[in-house]
Amino acid sequence: MMRWFFLSVSLLFACWARAQMLVGADTLYGNEWLDFSRTYYRIYVAEDGIYRIGYQTLAEAGFPVGQAPAAEWRLYAFGQQVPLFTTTDGLF
């Protein structure tokens, strides 16, 4: 009996909860920070910390190294820009 109660409450909550935010007449989905004219690459990490990704690793993964100055690279986490430190401002 208790199991059915929790299931029905969970279903009720799932119908009410949404990923979008309604702000007046606008519906926000959380990806408003994206600039669709740019290319983005996803880098997965196992846990929080400081990581060093070398040139060879990026090149082997198909990352377009040598095409954009390192000073123009941006790093985002959860839609917020976070600090990215490079060893050069020129091309990698």
C-alpha atoms as a PDB file:
ATOM      1  CA  MET A   1       0.000   0.000   0.000  1.00  0.00           C
ATOM      2  CA  MET A   2       2.777   2.416   0.971  1.00  0.00           C
ATOM      3  CA  ARG A   3       4.602   1.593  -2.256  1.00  0.00           C
ATOM      4  CA  TRP A   4       1.612   2.654  -4.366  1.00  0.00           C
ATOM      5  CA  PHE A   5       1.341   5.872  -2.395  1.00  0.00           C
ATOM      6  CA  PHE A   6       4.964   6.797  -3.089  1.00  0.00           C
ATOM      7  CA  LEU A   7       4.586   5.822  -6.738  1.00  0.00           C
ATOM      8  CA  SER A   8       1.510   8.017  -7.179  1.00  0.00           C
ATOM      9  CA  VAL A   9       3.159  10.967  -5.382  1.00  0.00           C
ATOM     10  CA  SER A  10       6.276  10.533  -7.530  1.00  0.00           C
ATOM     11  CA  LEU A  11       4.213  10.518 -10.715  1.00  0.00           C
ATOM     12  CA  LEU A  12       2.318  13.606  -9.582  1.00  0.00           C
ATOM     13  CA  PHE A  13       5.577  15.421  -8.894  1.00  0.00           C
ATOM     14  CA  ALA A  14       7.078  14.277 -12.211  1.00  0.00           C
ATOM     15  CA  CYS A  15       4.123  15.761 -14.086  1.00  0.00           C
ATOM     16  CA  TRP A  16       4.518  19.063 -12.240  1.00  0.00           C
ATOM     17  CA  ALA A  17       8.321  19.387 -12.441  1.00  0.00           C
ATOM     18  CA  ARG A  18       9.734  20.748 -15.690  1.00  0.00           C
ATOM     19  CA  ALA A  19      13.183  21.455 -17.053  1.00  0.00           C
ATOM     20  CA  GLN A  20      12.046  24.781 -18.505  1.00  0.00           C
ATOM     21  CA  MET A  21      11.539  28.030 -16.658  1.00  0.00           C
ATOM     22  CA  LEU A  22       8.661  30.280 -17.576  1.00  0.00           C
ATOM     23  CA  VAL A  23       9.575  33.970 -17.341  1.00  0.00           C
ATOM     24  CA  GLY A  24       6.650  36.049 -18.497  1.00  0.00           C
ATOM     25  CA  ALA A  25       6.006  35.117 -22.124  1.00  0.00           C
ATOM     26  CA  ASP A  26       9.495  33.547 -22.500  1.00  0.00           C
ATOM     27  CA  THR A  27      10.339  29.910 -21.922  1.00  0.00           C
ATOM     28  CA  LEU A  28      13.951  29.389 -20.823  1.00  0.00           C
ATOM     29  CA  TYR A  29      15.579  25.996 -21.350  1.00  0.00           C
ATOM     30  CA  GLY A  30      18.985  26.629 -19.724  1.00  0.00           C
ATOM     31  CA  ASN A  31      21.004  26.730 -22.940  1.00  0.00           C
ATOM     32  CA  GLU A  32      20.627  30.445 -23.626  1.00  0.00           C
ATOM     33  CA  TRP A  33      24.378  30.922 -23.188  1.00  0.00           C
ATOM     34  CA  LEU A  34      25.097  28.867 -26.331  1.00  0.00           C
ATOM     35  CA  ASP A  35      26.251  30.695 -29.445  1.00  0.00           C
ATOM     36  CA  PHE A  36      25.130  28.388 -32.252  1.00  0.00           C
ATOM     37  CA  SER A  37      27.577  29.975 -34.713  1.00  0.00           C
ATOM     38  CA  ARG A  38      30.493  28.464 -32.731  1.00  0.00           C
ATOM     39  CA  THR A  39      31.763  24.907 -32.355  1.00  0.00           C
ATOM     40  CA  TYR A  40      31.788  23.300 -28.896  1.00  0.00           C
ATOM     41  CA  TYR A  41      33.646  20.214 -27.693  1.00  0.00           C
ATOM     42  CA  ARG A  42      32.771  18.199 -24.606  1.00  0.00           C
ATOM     43  CA  ILE A  43      35.534  16.989 -22.319  1.00  0.00           C
ATOM     44  CA  TYR A  44      34.536  14.503 -19.629  1.00  0.00           C
ATOM     45  CA  VAL A  45      36.411  14.379 -16.333  1.00  0.00           C
ATOM     46  CA  ALA A  46      36.141  11.798 -13.575  1.00  0.00           C
ATOM     47  CA  GLU A  47      36.155  14.243 -10.665  1.00  0.00           C
ATOM     48  CA  ASP A  48      36.707  17.883  -9.801  1.00  0.00           C
ATOM     49  CA  GLY A  49      40.263  19.099  -9.994  1.00  0.00           C
ATOM     50  CA  ILE A  50      42.912  20.728 -12.141  1.00  0.00           C
ATOM     51  CA  TYR A  51      43.663  18.910 -15.379  1.00  0.00           C
ATOM     52  CA  ARG A  52      46.396  19.299 -17.957  1.00  0.00           C
ATOM     53  CA  ILE A  53      45.553  18.246 -21.486  1.00  0.00           C
ATOM     54  CA  GLY A  54      48.540  18.166 -23.795  1.00  0.00           C
ATOM     55  CA  TYR A  55      48.752  19.086 -27.471  1.00  0.00           C
ATOM     56  CA  GLN A  56      49.185  15.490 -28.619  1.00  0.00           C
ATOM     57  CA  THR A  57      46.119  14.335 -26.689  1.00  0.00           C
ATOM     58  CA  LEU A  58      43.983  17.090 -28.202  1.00  0.00           C
ATOM     59  CA  ALA A  59      45.287  16.407 -31.721  1.00  0.00           C
ATOM     60  CA  GLU A  60      44.625  12.661 -31.439  1.00  0.00           C
ATOM     61  CA  ALA A  61      41.062  13.348 -30.275  1.00  0.00           C
ATOM     62  CA  GLY A  62      40.370  15.459 -33.376  1.00  0.00           C
ATOM     63  CA  PHE A  63      40.422  18.807 -31.579  1.00  0.00           C
ATOM     64  CA  PRO A  64      41.245  21.605 -34.057  1.00  0.00           C
ATOM     65  CA  VAL A  65      44.593  22.577 -32.553  1.00  0.00           C
ATOM     66  CA  GLY A  66      46.566  25.162 -34.468  1.00  0.00           C
ATOM     67  CA  GLN A  67      43.469  26.827 -35.918  1.00  0.00           C
ATOM     68  CA  ALA A  68      42.554  29.358 -33.232  1.00  0.00           C
ATOM     69  CA  PRO A  69      44.729  31.349 -30.835  1.00  0.00           C
ATOM     70  CA  ALA A  70      44.715  29.910 -27.329  1.00  0.00           C
ATOM     71  CA  ALA A  71      43.631  33.320 -25.981  1.00  0.00           C
ATOM     72  CA  GLU A  72      40.279  32.854 -27.773  1.00  0.00           C
ATOM     73  CA  TRP A  73      39.492  29.476 -26.182  1.00  0.00           C
ATOM     74  CA  ARG A  74      36.739  29.383 -23.578  1.00  0.00           C
ATOM     75  CA  LEU A  75      35.819  26.755 -21.024  1.00  0.00           C
ATOM     76  CA  TYR A  76      32.250  26.373 -19.740  1.00  0.00           C
ATOM     77  CA  ALA A  77      30.835  24.251 -16.951  1.00  0.00           C
ATOM     78  CA  PHE A  78      27.088  24.108 -16.422  1.00  0.00           C
ATOM     79  CA  GLY A  79      26.589  27.120 -18.695  1.00  0.00           C
ATOM     80  CA  GLN A  80      29.046  29.353 -16.822  1.00  0.00           C
ATOM     81  CA  GLN A  81      32.455  30.356 -18.131  1.00  0.00           C
ATOM     82  CA  VAL A  82      35.270  29.130 -15.885  1.00  0.00           C
ATOM     83  CA  PRO A  83      38.979  30.086 -15.898  1.00  0.00           C
ATOM     84  CA  LEU A  84      41.134  28.452 -18.555  1.00  0.00           C
ATOM     85  CA  PHE A  85      44.888  28.865 -18.330  1.00  0.00           C
ATOM     86  CA  THR A  86      47.049  28.255 -21.417  1.00  0.00           C
ATOM     87  CA  THR A  87      50.827  28.336 -21.836  1.00  0.00           C
ATOM     88  CA  THR A  88      50.621  30.589 -24.884  1.00  0.00           C
ATOM     89  CA  ASP A  89      48.415  33.269 -26.389  1.00  0.00           C
ATOM     90  CA  GLY A  90      49.433  32.214 -29.922  1.00  0.00           C
ATOM     91  CA  LEU A  91      48.393  29.134 -31.878  1.00  0.00           C
ATOM     92  CA  PHE A  92      48.930  25.818 -30.174  1.00  0.00           C
END
